[in-house]
Amino acid sequence: MNWKIVFQLSAFGLIMAFGTISLIPENIEFVFWLVIFAFCAYVIAKTCSSKYFLNGLCVSLVNSIWITGLHILFYSSYIAHHPAIVKMSEQHPLLPGHPRLAMLIMGPLFGAASGVILGLFAFIASRLVPKKPAAL
């Protein structure tokens, strides 16, 4: 595991956490994530020597901490720009009256799911990207 690269790449999650509060509309957010995932997969494949999938998974799990925390902290501003989240939280089967608690529960689940995707991207990139040569 390369924790240094995990935390460095999770800075994109921190940036997206702030960006999605009020700047990035939810209908194009996936485009930003696709570019970020491709870049992160490339960096993981280029800098890590093994455990590509696990490094990608961990990046997304750390991202989910940043994103969930900031979306809960700036909840009023976040829901003002994301009406679909309000609707989804109202229809939550277990916590319909507690949207922040629902975010706290669902955030890590979304982080794990996106971690599987980023992990697969990193694994595939590790097969395609040439490794940097060993130092002499």
Protein backbone atom coordinates (compact mmCIF):
# COMPACT_ATOMS: atom_id res chain seq x y z
CA MET A 1 0.00 0.00 0.00
CA ASN A 2 1.18 3.46 -0.86
CA TRP A 3 -0.55 5.68 1.71
CA LYS A 4 1.27 8.76 0.50
CA ILE A 5 -0.25 8.47 -2.98
CA VAL A 6 -3.66 7.54 -1.50
CA PHE A 7 -3.82 10.76 0.51
CA GLN A 8 -2.35 12.86 -2.29
CA LEU A 9 -4.93 11.58 -4.79
CA SER A 10 -7.72 12.01 -2.24
CA ALA A 11 -7.13 15.76 -2.57
CA PHE A 12 -9.28 15.48 -5.71
CA GLY A 13 -12.09 14.19 -3.50
CA LEU A 14 -11.64 17.16 -1.18
CA ILE A 15 -11.76 19.56 -4.14
CA MET A 16 -14.85 17.81 -5.51
CA ALA A 17 -16.47 17.91 -2.07
CA PHE A 18 -16.20 21.69 -2.05
CA GLY A 19 -17.06 21.93 -5.75
CA THR A 20 -20.22 19.86 -5.52
CA ILE A 21 -21.60 21.90 -2.64
CA SER A 22 -22.61 24.75 -4.94
CA LEU A 23 -20.45 25.00 -8.07
CA ILE A 24 -20.73 21.72 -9.99
CA PRO A 25 -24.26 20.73 -11.08
CA GLU A 26 -25.25 17.15 -10.33
CA ASN A 27 -26.06 16.44 -13.99
CA ILE A 28 -22.40 16.86 -15.05
CA GLU A 29 -20.65 15.76 -11.86
CA PHE A 30 -20.00 12.29 -13.30
CA VAL A 31 -17.83 13.82 -16.06
CA PHE A 32 -15.53 15.33 -13.45
CA TRP A 33 -15.36 12.00 -11.62
CA LEU A 34 -14.58 10.11 -14.82
CA VAL A 35 -11.62 12.38 -15.55
CA ILE A 36 -10.44 12.18 -11.92
CA PHE A 37 -10.73 8.37 -11.90
CA ALA A 38 -8.79 8.07 -15.15
CA PHE A 39 -6.03 10.33 -13.82
CA CYS A 40 -5.90 8.55 -10.44
CA ALA A 41 -5.76 5.14 -12.13
CA TYR A 42 -2.87 6.33 -14.29
CA VAL A 43 -0.95 7.72 -11.31
CA ILE A 44 -1.54 4.57 -9.25
CA ALA A 45 -0.41 2.38 -12.14
CA LYS A 46 2.67 4.53 -12.72
CA THR A 47 3.82 4.96 -9.11
CA CYS A 48 2.74 1.80 -7.28
CA SER A 49 4.48 -1.53 -7.71
CA SER A 50 1.58 -3.72 -6.53
CA LYS A 51 -1.88 -3.69 -4.95
CA TYR A 52 -3.31 -1.40 -7.62
CA PHE A 53 -6.91 -2.33 -6.87
CA LEU A 54 -6.46 -1.81 -3.12
CA ASN A 55 -4.82 1.59 -3.64
CA GLY A 56 -7.73 2.69 -5.85
CA LEU A 57 -10.25 1.40 -3.32
CA CYS A 58 -8.55 3.30 -0.50
CA VAL A 59 -8.44 6.54 -2.50
CA SER A 60 -12.22 6.40 -2.92
CA LEU A 61 -12.80 5.49 0.72
CA VAL A 62 -10.78 8.52 1.84
CA ASN A 63 -12.67 10.59 -0.76
CA SER A 64 -15.95 9.47 0.79
CA ILE A 65 -14.81 10.78 4.18
CA TRP A 66 -14.03 14.22 2.72
CA ILE A 67 -17.21 14.35 0.66
CA THR A 68 -19.59 13.07 3.32
CA GLY A 69 -18.12 15.32 6.00
CA LEU A 70 -18.30 18.48 3.92
CA HIS A 71 -21.75 17.73 2.52
CA ILE A 72 -23.05 17.25 6.07
CA LEU A 73 -21.23 20.36 7.32
CA PHE A 74 -22.56 22.51 4.45
CA TYR A 75 -25.88 20.65 4.19
CA SER A 76 -28.12 23.69 3.64
CA SER A 77 -26.06 24.96 0.73
CA TYR A 78 -25.61 21.46 -0.67
CA ILE A 79 -29.32 20.60 -0.80
CA ALA A 80 -30.15 24.01 -2.26
CA HIS A 81 -28.15 22.99 -5.34
CA HIS A 82 -29.04 19.26 -5.35
CA PRO A 83 -32.83 18.81 -5.22
CA ALA A 84 -32.55 15.14 -6.22
CA ILE A 85 -30.70 14.45 -2.96
CA VAL A 86 -33.58 15.93 -0.98
CA LYS A 87 -36.04 13.71 -2.84
CA MET A 88 -33.83 10.66 -2.34
CA SER A 89 -33.44 11.34 1.39
CA GLU A 90 -37.20 11.76 1.80
CA GLN A 91 -37.70 8.33 0.23
CA HIS A 92 -35.00 6.64 2.32
CA PRO A 93 -36.64 3.52 3.81
CA LEU A 94 -34.98 3.72 7.23
CA LEU A 95 -34.26 7.41 7.86
CA PRO A 96 -36.77 9.55 5.92
CA GLY A 97 -36.69 12.38 8.47
CA HIS A 98 -32.94 12.40 9.05
CA PRO A 99 -31.17 13.37 5.80
CA ARG A 100 -27.79 14.09 7.42
CA LEU A 101 -27.79 10.72 9.15
CA ALA A 102 -28.76 9.08 5.86
CA MET A 103 -25.80 10.84 4.21
CA LEU A 104 -23.52 9.62 7.00
CA ILE A 105 -24.64 6.04 6.39
CA MET A 106 -24.79 6.14 2.60
CA GLY A 107 -21.55 8.12 2.05
CA PRO A 108 -19.19 5.25 2.90
CA LEU A 109 -21.33 2.84 0.87
CA PHE A 110 -21.02 5.09 -2.18
CA GLY A 111 -17.32 5.43 -1.37
CA ALA A 112 -16.90 1.65 -1.36
CA ALA A 113 -18.83 1.27 -4.63
CA SER A 114 -16.81 3.99 -6.34
CA GLY A 115 -13.70 2.42 -4.81
CA VAL A 116 -14.42 -0.82 -6.63
CA ILE A 117 -14.69 1.15 -9.87
CA LEU A 118 -11.47 3.11 -9.24
CA GLY A 119 -9.74 -0.07 -8.13
CA LEU A 120 -10.70 -1.75 -11.40
CA PHE A 121 -9.56 1.30 -13.36
CA ALA A 122 -6.21 1.20 -11.53
CA PHE A 123 -5.83 -2.54 -12.09
CA ILE A 124 -6.55 -2.19 -15.82
CA ALA A 125 -4.23 0.83 -16.06
CA SER A 126 -1.47 -1.21 -14.40
CA ARG A 127 -1.63 -3.58 -17.35
CA LEU A 128 -1.50 -0.77 -19.92
CA VAL A 129 0.84 1.86 -18.45
CA PRO A 130 4.60 1.28 -18.69
CA LYS A 131 6.30 1.24 -15.29
CA LYS A 132 8.90 3.80 -14.39
CA PRO A 133 12.40 2.32 -14.54
CA ALA A 134 14.08 1.28 -11.31
CA ALA A 135 16.67 3.67 -9.91
CA LEU A 136 20.28 2.63 -10.38
